[in-house]
C-alpha atoms as a PDB file:
ATOM      1  CA  MET A   1     186.055 102.684 234.789  1.00  0.00           C
ATOM      2  CA  HIS A   2     186.602 101.706 231.168  1.00  0.00           C
ATOM      3  CA  ARG A   3     188.979  98.792 230.734  1.00  0.00           C
ATOM      4  CA  THR A   4     190.645  97.731 227.524  1.00  0.00           C
ATOM      5  CA  ALA A   5     189.456  94.348 226.247  1.00  0.00           C
ATOM      6  CA  PHE A   6     192.578  92.412 225.333  1.00  0.00           C
ATOM      7  CA  ARG A   7     192.388  89.907 222.505  1.00  0.00           C
ATOM      8  CA  ARG A   8     194.117  87.191 224.482  1.00  0.00           C
ATOM      9  CA  SER A   9     195.602  86.534 227.873  1.00  0.00           C
ATOM     10  CA  ILE A  10     199.377  86.244 227.694  1.00  0.00           C
ATOM     11  CA  SER A  11     201.452  84.531 230.331  1.00  0.00           C
ATOM     12  CA  GLY A  12     203.764  81.695 229.309  1.00  0.00           C
ATOM     13  CA  THR A  13     206.194  82.294 226.445  1.00  0.00           C
ATOM     14  CA  GLN A  14     205.892  79.739 223.652  1.00  0.00           C
ATOM     15  CA  PRO A  15     208.830  78.602 221.479  1.00  0.00           C
ATOM     16  CA  GLY A  16     209.625  81.141 218.774  1.00  0.00           C
ATOM     17  CA  LEU A  17     207.730  83.934 220.481  1.00  0.00           C
ATOM     18  CA  VAL A  18     209.193  86.952 222.233  1.00  0.00           C
ATOM     19  CA  LEU A  19     209.068  88.064 225.832  1.00  0.00           C
ATOM     20  CA  ALA A  20     208.124  91.757 225.924  1.00  0.00           C
ATOM     21  CA  ILE A  21     209.414  93.717 228.920  1.00  0.00           C
ATOM     22  CA  VAL A  22     207.834  97.065 229.757  1.00  0.00           C
ATOM     23  CA  PRO A  23     209.373  99.230 232.501  1.00  0.00           C
ATOM     24  CA  ALA A  24     207.044 101.776 234.055  1.00  0.00           C
ATOM     25  CA  ARG A  25     206.913 104.430 236.767  1.00  0.00           C
ATOM     26  CA  LEU A  26     203.333 105.174 237.777  1.00  0.00           C
ATOM     27  CA  GLY A  27     203.562 106.688 241.233  1.00  0.00           C
ATOM     28  CA  ALA A  28     203.532 110.284 242.406  1.00  0.00           C
ATOM     29  CA  ASP A  29     206.926 110.869 240.770  1.00  0.00           C
ATOM     30  CA  ALA A  30     205.775 109.796 237.305  1.00  0.00           C
ATOM     31  CA  LYS A  31     206.618 112.127 234.425  1.00  0.00           C
ATOM     32  CA  GLN A  32     208.130 114.896 236.515  1.00  0.00           C
ATOM     33  CA  ARG A  33     209.245 116.826 233.425  1.00  0.00           C
ATOM     34  CA  LEU A  34     205.528 117.462 232.805  1.00  0.00           C
ATOM     35  CA  ALA A  35     205.090 119.070 236.221  1.00  0.00           C
ATOM     36  CA  SER A  36     204.786 122.552 234.688  1.00  0.00           C
ATOM     37  CA  VAL A  37     201.596 121.528 232.878  1.00  0.00           C
ATOM     38  CA  LEU A  38     200.261 118.548 234.848  1.00  0.00           C
ATOM     39  CA  PRO A  39     199.754 118.127 238.589  1.00  0.00           C
ATOM     40  CA  PRO A  40     200.794 114.809 240.190  1.00  0.00           C
ATOM     41  CA  GLU A  41     197.452 112.983 239.904  1.00  0.00           C
ATOM     42  CA  ALA A  42     197.079 113.934 236.238  1.00  0.00           C
ATOM     43  CA  ARG A  43     200.617 112.719 235.530  1.00  0.00           C
ATOM     44  CA  ARG A  44     199.851 109.414 237.254  1.00  0.00           C
ATOM     45  CA  ARG A  45     196.658 108.990 235.222  1.00  0.00           C
ATOM     46  CA  LEU A  46     198.482 109.778 231.999  1.00  0.00           C
ATOM     47  CA  ALA A  47     201.283 107.318 232.789  1.00  0.00           C
ATOM     48  CA  MET A  48     198.698 104.608 233.514  1.00  0.00           C
ATOM     49  CA  ALA A  49     196.831 105.280 230.273  1.00  0.00           C
ATOM     50  CA  MET A  50     200.003 105.231 228.190  1.00  0.00           C
ATOM     51  CA  LEU A  51     201.099 101.951 229.758  1.00  0.00           C
ATOM     52  CA  GLU A  52     197.687 100.438 229.038  1.00  0.00           C
ATOM     53  CA  ASP A  53     198.001 101.364 225.360  1.00  0.00           C
ATOM     54  CA  VAL A  54     201.517  99.900 225.151  1.00  0.00           C
ATOM     55  CA  LEU A  55     200.319  96.641 226.705  1.00  0.00           C
ATOM     56  CA  ALA A  56     197.347  96.510 224.339  1.00  0.00           C
ATOM     57  CA  ALA A  57     199.619  96.861 221.298  1.00  0.00           C
ATOM     58  CA  LEU A  58     201.945  94.145 222.555  1.00  0.00           C
ATOM     59  CA  ALA A  59     199.021  91.838 223.296  1.00  0.00           C
ATOM     60  CA  ALA A  60     197.733  92.330 219.761  1.00  0.00           C
ATOM     61  CA  SER A  61     201.029  91.237 218.188  1.00  0.00           C
ATOM     62  CA  SER A  62     201.113  87.605 217.124  1.00  0.00           C
ATOM     63  CA  GLY A  63     204.867  87.543 217.732  1.00  0.00           C
ATOM     64  CA  VAL A  64     204.685  88.312 221.460  1.00  0.00           C
ATOM     65  CA  GLY A  65     204.350  85.292 223.698  1.00  0.00           C
ATOM     66  CA  SER A  66     204.393  86.960 227.105  1.00  0.00           C
ATOM     67  CA  ILE A  67     204.530  90.402 228.662  1.00  0.00           C
ATOM     68  CA  LEU A  68     206.433  91.338 231.800  1.00  0.00           C
ATOM     69  CA  VAL A  69     205.720  94.685 233.461  1.00  0.00           C
ATOM     70  CA  ALA A  70     208.650  95.870 235.586  1.00  0.00           C
ATOM     71  CA  ALA A  71     207.412  98.394 238.122  1.00  0.00           C
ATOM     72  CA  GLY A  72     207.204  98.915 241.838  1.00  0.00           C
ATOM     73  CA  ASP A  73     203.726 100.183 242.619  1.00  0.00           C
ATOM     74  CA  ALA A  74     200.244  98.767 243.145  1.00  0.00           C
ATOM     75  CA  ASP A  75     198.759 100.535 240.107  1.00  0.00           C
ATOM     76  CA  ALA A  76     201.180  98.711 237.811  1.00  0.00           C
ATOM     77  CA  LEU A  77     200.354  95.399 239.478  1.00  0.00           C
ATOM     78  CA  ASP A  78     196.619  95.921 238.997  1.00  0.00           C
ATOM     79  CA  LEU A  79     197.033  96.892 235.359  1.00  0.00           C
ATOM     80  CA  ALA A  80     199.409  93.992 234.627  1.00  0.00           C
ATOM     81  CA  LEU A  81     197.043  91.466 236.194  1.00  0.00           C
ATOM     82  CA  ARG A  82     193.983  92.599 234.301  1.00  0.00           C
ATOM     83  CA  CYS A  83     195.970  92.671 231.055  1.00  0.00           C
ATOM     84  CA  GLY A  84     197.087  89.064 231.520  1.00  0.00           C
ATOM     85  CA  ALA A  85     200.713  90.080 231.978  1.00  0.00           C
ATOM     86  CA  LEU A  86     203.388  89.054 234.446  1.00  0.00           C
ATOM     87  CA  TRP A  87     204.528  91.605 236.992  1.00  0.00           C
ATOM     88  CA  LEU A  88     208.058  91.951 238.279  1.00  0.00           C
ATOM     89  CA  GLU A  89     208.159  94.049 241.440  1.00  0.00           C
ATOM     90  CA  GLU A  90     211.027  96.322 240.518  1.00  0.00           C
ATOM     91  CA  PRO A  91     211.117  99.929 241.786  1.00  0.00           C
ATOM     92  CA  ILE A  92     212.584 101.604 238.690  1.00  0.00           C
ATOM     93  CA  GLY A  93     213.417 104.807 240.547  1.00  0.00           C
ATOM     94  CA  GLY A  94     215.409 103.119 243.299  1.00  0.00           C
ATOM     95  CA  LEU A  95     217.225 100.402 241.384  1.00  0.00           C
ATOM     96  CA  GLY A  96     217.677 102.334 238.151  1.00  0.00           C
ATOM     97  CA  LEU A  97     216.149 101.592 234.770  1.00  0.00           C
ATOM     98  CA  ASN A  98     219.004  99.566 233.289  1.00  0.00           C
ATOM     99  CA  ALA A  99     219.555  97.513 236.424  1.00  0.00           C
ATOM    100  CA  ALA A 100     215.833  96.719 236.550  1.00  0.00           C
ATOM    101  CA  LEU A 101     215.841  95.725 232.880  1.00  0.00           C
ATOM    102  CA  ALA A 102     218.938  93.563 233.312  1.00  0.00           C
ATOM    103  CA  ARG A 103     217.214  91.750 236.152  1.00  0.00           C
ATOM    104  CA  ALA A 104     214.066  91.259 234.060  1.00  0.00           C
ATOM    105  CA  LEU A 105     216.109  89.899 231.154  1.00  0.00           C
ATOM    106  CA  ASN A 106     217.957  87.500 233.444  1.00  0.00           C
ATOM    107  CA  LEU A 107     214.733  86.284 235.031  1.00  0.00           C
ATOM    108  CA  GLN A 108     212.900  85.304 231.879  1.00  0.00           C
ATOM    109  CA  PRO A 109     210.323  82.802 233.137  1.00  0.00           C
ATOM    110  CA  THR A 110     208.932  79.800 231.316  1.00  0.00           C
ATOM    111  CA  LEU A 111     205.413  79.394 232.648  1.00  0.00           C
ATOM    112  CA  PRO A 112     202.485  77.438 231.192  1.00  0.00           C
ATOM    113  CA  PRO A 113     199.815  79.692 229.638  1.00  0.00           C
ATOM    114  CA  ARG A 114     196.935  80.345 231.998  1.00  0.00           C
ATOM    115  CA  ALA A 115     194.249  82.919 232.548  1.00  0.00           C
ATOM    116  CA  GLY A 116     195.395  84.388 235.841  1.00  0.00           C
ATOM    117  CA  VAL A 117     198.951  85.503 236.530  1.00  0.00           C
ATOM    118  CA  GLY A 118     200.279  86.802 239.827  1.00  0.00           C
ATOM    119  CA  ALA A 119     203.284  88.826 240.833  1.00  0.00           C
ATOM    120  CA  TYR A 120     206.625  87.423 239.738  1.00  0.00           C
ATOM    121  CA  SER A 121     209.700  87.955 241.862  1.00  0.00           C
ATOM    122  CA  GLY A 122     212.035  85.060 241.028  1.00  0.00           C
ATOM    123  CA  ALA A 123     209.661  82.231 241.870  1.00  0.00           C
ATOM    124  CA  GLY A 124     206.608  81.096 239.972  1.00  0.00           C
ATOM    125  CA  ALA A 125     203.497  83.200 240.352  1.00  0.00           C
ATOM    126  CA  ASP A 126     201.915  80.275 242.185  1.00  0.00           C
ATOM    127  CA  GLY A 127     204.877  80.062 244.574  1.00  0.00           C
ATOM    128  CA  ALA A 128     206.524  77.141 242.797  1.00  0.00           C
ATOM    129  CA  GLY A 129     210.004  77.227 241.310  1.00  0.00           C
ATOM    130  CA  THR A 130     210.386  78.773 237.897  1.00  0.00           C
ATOM    131  CA  SER A 131     212.532  77.546 235.034  1.00  0.00           C
ATOM    132  CA  PHE A 132     214.547  79.981 232.959  1.00  0.00           C
ATOM    133  CA  ARG A 133     215.502  80.174 229.321  1.00  0.00           C
ATOM    134  CA  ALA A 134     217.513  82.266 226.926  1.00  0.00           C
ATOM    135  CA  GLY A 135     215.287  83.545 224.172  1.00  0.00           C
ATOM    136  CA  PRO A 136     214.322  86.642 222.207  1.00  0.00           C
ATOM    137  CA  ALA A 137     213.234  89.679 224.169  1.00  0.00           C
ATOM    138  CA  LEU A 138     211.699  93.025 223.300  1.00  0.00           C
ATOM    139  CA  ILE A 139     212.056  95.990 225.643  1.00  0.00           C
ATOM    140  CA  VAL A 140     209.472  98.724 225.079  1.00  0.00           C
ATOM    141  CA  MET A 141     209.276 101.903 227.105  1.00  0.00           C
ATOM    142  CA  GLY A 142     205.950 102.413 228.842  1.00  0.00           C
ATOM    143  CA  ASP A 143     205.526 105.960 227.508  1.00  0.00           C
ATOM    144  CA  VAL A 144     205.148 105.327 223.760  1.00  0.00           C
ATOM    145  CA  PRO A 145     201.330 105.277 223.661  1.00  0.00           C
ATOM    146  CA  LEU A 146     201.016 105.486 219.868  1.00  0.00           C
ATOM    147  CA  LEU A 147     202.605 102.028 219.535  1.00  0.00           C
ATOM    148  CA  GLU A 148     200.618  99.573 217.432  1.00  0.00           C
ATOM    149  CA  ALA A 149     200.928  95.840 216.819  1.00  0.00           C
ATOM    150  CA  ALA A 150     202.186  96.533 213.280  1.00  0.00           C
ATOM    151  CA  ASP A 151     205.201  98.354 214.747  1.00  0.00           C
ATOM    152  CA  VAL A 152     205.954  95.415 217.021  1.00  0.00           C
ATOM    153  CA  ASP A 153     205.588  92.942 214.154  1.00  0.00           C
ATOM    154  CA  LEU A 154     207.973  94.949 211.979  1.00  0.00           C
ATOM    155  CA  MET A 155     210.652  94.933 214.677  1.00  0.00           C
ATOM    156  CA  LEU A 156     210.232  91.206 215.245  1.00  0.00           C
ATOM    157  CA  ASP A 157     210.372  90.461 211.527  1.00  0.00           C
ATOM    158  CA  GLN A 158     213.758  92.171 211.437  1.00  0.00           C
ATOM    159  CA  LEU A 159     214.834  90.341 214.590  1.00  0.00           C
ATOM    160  CA  HIS A 160     214.058  86.857 213.317  1.00  0.00           C
ATOM    161  CA  ARG A 161     216.299  87.060 210.268  1.00  0.00           C
ATOM    162  CA  ASP A 162     219.675  85.281 210.183  1.00  0.00           C
ATOM    163  CA  GLY A 163     222.064  85.326 213.129  1.00  0.00           C
ATOM    164  CA  PRO A 164     222.212  87.132 216.480  1.00  0.00           C
ATOM    165  CA  ALA A 165     220.565  90.511 216.159  1.00  0.00           C
ATOM    166  CA  ALA A 166     219.639  93.701 217.960  1.00  0.00           C
ATOM    167  CA  ILE A 167     216.935  95.953 216.519  1.00  0.00           C
ATOM    168  CA  ALA A 168     216.297  99.472 217.831  1.00  0.00           C
ATOM    169  CA  ALA A 169     213.310 101.774 217.364  1.00  0.00           C
ATOM    170  CA  VAL A 170     214.770 105.271 217.362  1.00  0.00           C
ATOM    171  CA  SER A 171     213.389 108.219 219.334  1.00  0.00           C
ATOM    172  CA  ARG A 172     212.090 111.282 217.512  1.00  0.00           C
ATOM    173  CA  ASP A 173     215.280 113.279 218.115  1.00  0.00           C
ATOM    174  CA  GLY A 174     217.403 110.461 216.672  1.00  0.00           C
ATOM    175  CA  THR A 175     219.506 109.910 219.806  1.00  0.00           C
ATOM    176  CA  GLY A 176     217.399 107.640 222.015  1.00  0.00           C
ATOM    177  CA  THR A 177     216.123 104.064 221.976  1.00  0.00           C
ATOM    178  CA  ASN A 178     212.381 103.722 222.589  1.00  0.00           C
ATOM    179  CA  ALA A 179     212.310  99.968 221.948  1.00  0.00           C
ATOM    180  CA  LEU A 180     215.055  97.366 221.695  1.00  0.00           C
ATOM    181  CA  ALA A 181     214.689  93.793 220.433  1.00  0.00           C
ATOM    182  CA  LEU A 182     217.390  91.233 221.210  1.00  0.00           C
ATOM    183  CA  SER A 183     217.555  87.752 219.717  1.00  0.00           C
ATOM    184  CA  ASP A 184     219.206  86.674 222.978  1.00  0.00           C
ATOM    185  CA  PRO A 185     219.250  88.737 226.204  1.00  0.00           C
ATOM    186  CA  SER A 186     222.891  87.829 226.789  1.00  0.00           C
ATOM    187  CA  LEU A 187     224.078  89.752 223.689  1.00  0.00           C
ATOM    188  CA  PHE A 188     224.682  92.956 225.667  1.00  0.00           C
ATOM    189  CA  ALA A 189     223.335  94.786 228.682  1.00  0.00           C
ATOM    190  CA  PRO A 190     220.676  97.468 228.110  1.00  0.00           C
ATOM    191  CA  ALA A 191     222.010 101.024 228.280  1.00  0.00           C
ATOM    192  CA  PHE A 192     218.923 103.226 228.167  1.00  0.00           C
ATOM    193  CA  GLY A 193     219.031 106.904 229.030  1.00  0.00           C
ATOM    194  CA  PRO A 194     220.142 110.049 227.163  1.00  0.00           C
ATOM    195  CA  PHE A 195     221.937 109.232 223.895  1.00  0.00           C
ATOM    196  CA  SER A 196     221.287 105.508 224.396  1.00  0.00           C
ATOM    197  CA  LEU A 197     221.147 104.759 220.669  1.00  0.00           C
ATOM    198  CA  ALA A 198     224.894 105.330 220.253  1.00  0.00           C
ATOM    199  CA  ARG A 199     225.652 103.102 223.241  1.00  0.00           C
ATOM    200  CA  HIS A 200     223.469 100.275 221.962  1.00  0.00           C
ATOM    201  CA  ARG A 201     224.936 100.614 218.470  1.00  0.00           C
ATOM    202  CA  ALA A 202     228.480 100.465 219.857  1.00  0.00           C
ATOM    203  CA  ALA A 203     227.680  97.391 221.949  1.00  0.00           C
ATOM    204  CA  ALA A 204     226.241  95.588 218.926  1.00  0.00           C
ATOM    205  CA  THR A 205     229.231  96.528 216.778  1.00  0.00           C
ATOM    206  CA  LEU A 206     231.683  95.396 219.441  1.00  0.00           C
ATOM    207  CA  GLY A 207     229.919  92.058 219.723  1.00  0.00           C
ATOM    208  CA  GLY A 208     229.688  91.493 215.971  1.00  0.00           C
ATOM    209  CA  ILE A 209     225.903  91.451 216.224  1.00  0.00           C
ATOM    210  CA  ARG A 210     223.613  92.297 213.310  1.00  0.00           C
ATOM    211  CA  TRP A 211     222.258  95.764 214.087  1.00  0.00           C
ATOM    212  CA  ALA A 212     219.340  97.693 212.619  1.00  0.00           C
ATOM    213  CA  GLU A 213     217.796 101.045 213.451  1.00  0.00           C
ATOM    214  CA  LEU A 214     214.148 101.583 212.558  1.00  0.00           C
ATOM    215  CA  ALA A 215     212.489 104.984 212.287  1.00  0.00           C
ATOM    216  CA  LEU A 216     208.924 104.148 213.313  1.00  0.00           C
ATOM    217  CA  PRO A 217     206.912 107.365 213.743  1.00  0.00           C
ATOM    218  CA  ARG A 218     204.482 105.950 216.289  1.00  0.00           C
ATOM    219  CA  VAL A 219     207.251 104.462 218.425  1.00  0.00           C
ATOM    220  CA  ALA A 220     209.420 107.556 218.067  1.00  0.00           C
ATOM    221  CA  LEU A 221     207.128 109.704 220.206  1.00  0.00           C
ATOM    222  CA  ASP A 222     207.876 109.139 223.891  1.00  0.00           C
ATOM    223  CA  ILE A 223     206.203 111.543 226.274  1.00  0.00           C
ATOM    224  CA  ASP A 224     208.634 113.467 228.445  1.00  0.00           C
ATOM    225  CA  THR A 225     208.147 117.190 227.820  1.00  0.00           C
ATOM    226  CA  PRO A 226     205.232 119.615 227.411  1.00  0.00           C
ATOM    227  CA  GLU A 227     206.061 119.788 223.706  1.00  0.00           C
ATOM    228  CA  ASP A 228     205.670 115.998 223.503  1.00  0.00           C
ATOM    229  CA  LEU A 229     202.312 116.328 225.238  1.00  0.00           C
ATOM    230  CA  LEU A 230     201.129 118.870 222.674  1.00  0.00           C
ATOM    231  CA  ARG A 231     202.032 116.498 219.864  1.00  0.00           C
ATOM    232  CA  LEU A 232     200.350 113.593 221.628  1.00  0.00           C
ATOM    233  CA  ARG A 233     197.113 115.550 222.031  1.00  0.00           C
ATOM    234  CA  SER A 234     196.937 115.907 218.250  1.00  0.00           C
ATOM    235  CA  GLU A 235     197.939 112.327 217.369  1.00  0.00           C
ATOM    236  CA  ALA A 236     196.420 110.040 220.016  1.00  0.00           C
ATOM    237  CA  ARG A 237     193.478 107.933 218.866  1.00  0.00           C
ATOM    238  CA  PRO A 238     190.319 109.126 220.681  1.00  0.00           C
ATOM    239  CA  GLU A 239     189.309 105.553 221.542  1.00  0.00           C
ATOM    240  CA  SER A 240     192.678 104.687 223.105  1.00  0.00           C
ATOM    241  CA  ALA A 241     193.234 104.822 226.849  1.00  0.00           C
ATOM    242  CA  THR A 242     195.544 107.785 226.326  1.00  0.00           C
ATOM    243  CA  GLY A 243     193.051 109.529 224.069  1.00  0.00           C
ATOM    244  CA  ARG A 244     190.310 109.130 226.670  1.00  0.00           C
ATOM    245  CA  CYS A 245     192.626 110.400 229.373  1.00  0.00           C
ATOM    246  CA  LEU A 246     193.546 113.501 227.386  1.00  0.00           C
ATOM    247  CA  ALA A 247     189.879 114.138 226.568  1.00  0.00           C
ATOM    248  CA  ASP A 248     189.141 114.252 230.300  1.00  0.00           C
ATOM    249  CA  PHE A 249     191.678 116.991 230.908  1.00  0.00           C
ATOM    250  CA  THR A 250     190.116 120.345 231.751  1.00  0.00           C
ATOM    251  CA  THR A 251     191.335 123.922 231.450  1.00  0.00           C
ATOM    252  CA  ASP A 252     192.150 124.228 235.147  1.00  0.00           C
ATOM    253  CA  VAL A 253     195.860 124.288 234.387  1.00  0.00           C
ATOM    254  CA  VAL A 254     197.121 126.239 231.392  1.00  0.00           C
ATOM    255  CA  SER A 255     200.850 126.529 230.669  1.00  0.00           C
ATOM    256  CA  GLU A 256     202.484 128.574 227.984  1.00  0.00           C
ATOM    257  CA  ILE A 257     205.086 126.581 226.082  1.00  0.00           C
ATOM    258  CA  GLN A 258     207.742 128.459 224.192  1.00  0.00           C
ATOM    259  CA  GLN A 259     208.253 126.788 220.819  1.00  0.00           C
ATOM    260  CA  GLY A 260     211.468 126.672 218.857  1.00  0.00           C
ATOM    261  CA  ASP A 261     210.145 129.098 216.226  1.00  0.00           C
ATOM    262  CA  GLY A 262     209.533 131.781 218.841  1.00  0.00           C
ATOM    263  CA  THR A 263     205.752 131.468 218.869  1.00  0.00           C
ATOM    264  CA  THR A 264     203.792 130.544 221.971  1.00  0.00           C
ATOM    265  CA  ARG A 265     201.280 127.738 222.208  1.00  0.00           C
ATOM    266  CA  ARG A 266     199.158 126.638 225.108  1.00  0.00           C
ATOM    267  CA  ALA A 267     198.886 123.177 226.602  1.00  0.00           C
ATOM    268  CA  VAL A 268     195.689 122.465 228.505  1.00  0.00           C
ATOM    269  CA  ALA A 269     195.895 119.972 231.312  1.00  0.00           C
ATOM    270  CA  ASN A 270     193.839 118.449 234.060  1.00  0.00           C
ATOM    271  CA  SER A 271     194.056 119.630 237.627  1.00  0.00           C
END
């Protein structure tokens, strides 16, 4: 199986660098809104590929000091380990996305950089106690596979300007938050979900925090619906994990997708 070659192994967060937190659901229930065009195994493969591309982009950013994958399945653990990331065993479906993110933000570990990193669940990956720190954090959804290091760097450049700050990357429909950077995780609790942008904006305003919304086309596309999948098929880089995954899809499953203009297009998926 092809595996992405990461530029560097990332484990301990260094002063001035950001902890990136990536929540993911990779099991049989991954991407259920794509069930009309993708069977369960294809959805799992797609979710894995998208997460791999997100981790690769974060690893390529010079501003990211460590990556923490918050997920509750073995596939996520395997991918996190081979990407040099930390893994927080957090079943997103059971605990809820925002509760899992709040726990990840509150458990920011300070670990010395090293090549191999194990599972993290409140103690050091080697079983020893872990120290904690307040520092900048970047939450990125695991289903924005077009993300590139330049997008991450732009968000962090905005974050590191004067004073406490919260920087959001806006979803394509203008109502959601696909990435959120916080200069300190204690500024406000994450409130992801439908119409999350307004909630995050209100929290920043209430706290007197510098707030910025960035329209980043690559980050704006999160994959939830068949229409999103159609767009992704046309925009994914062929050499990316997601691009390779989509190229493997066959014509075994064909679903007609009714577009907003009344025309019908076809999405081809893997069985």
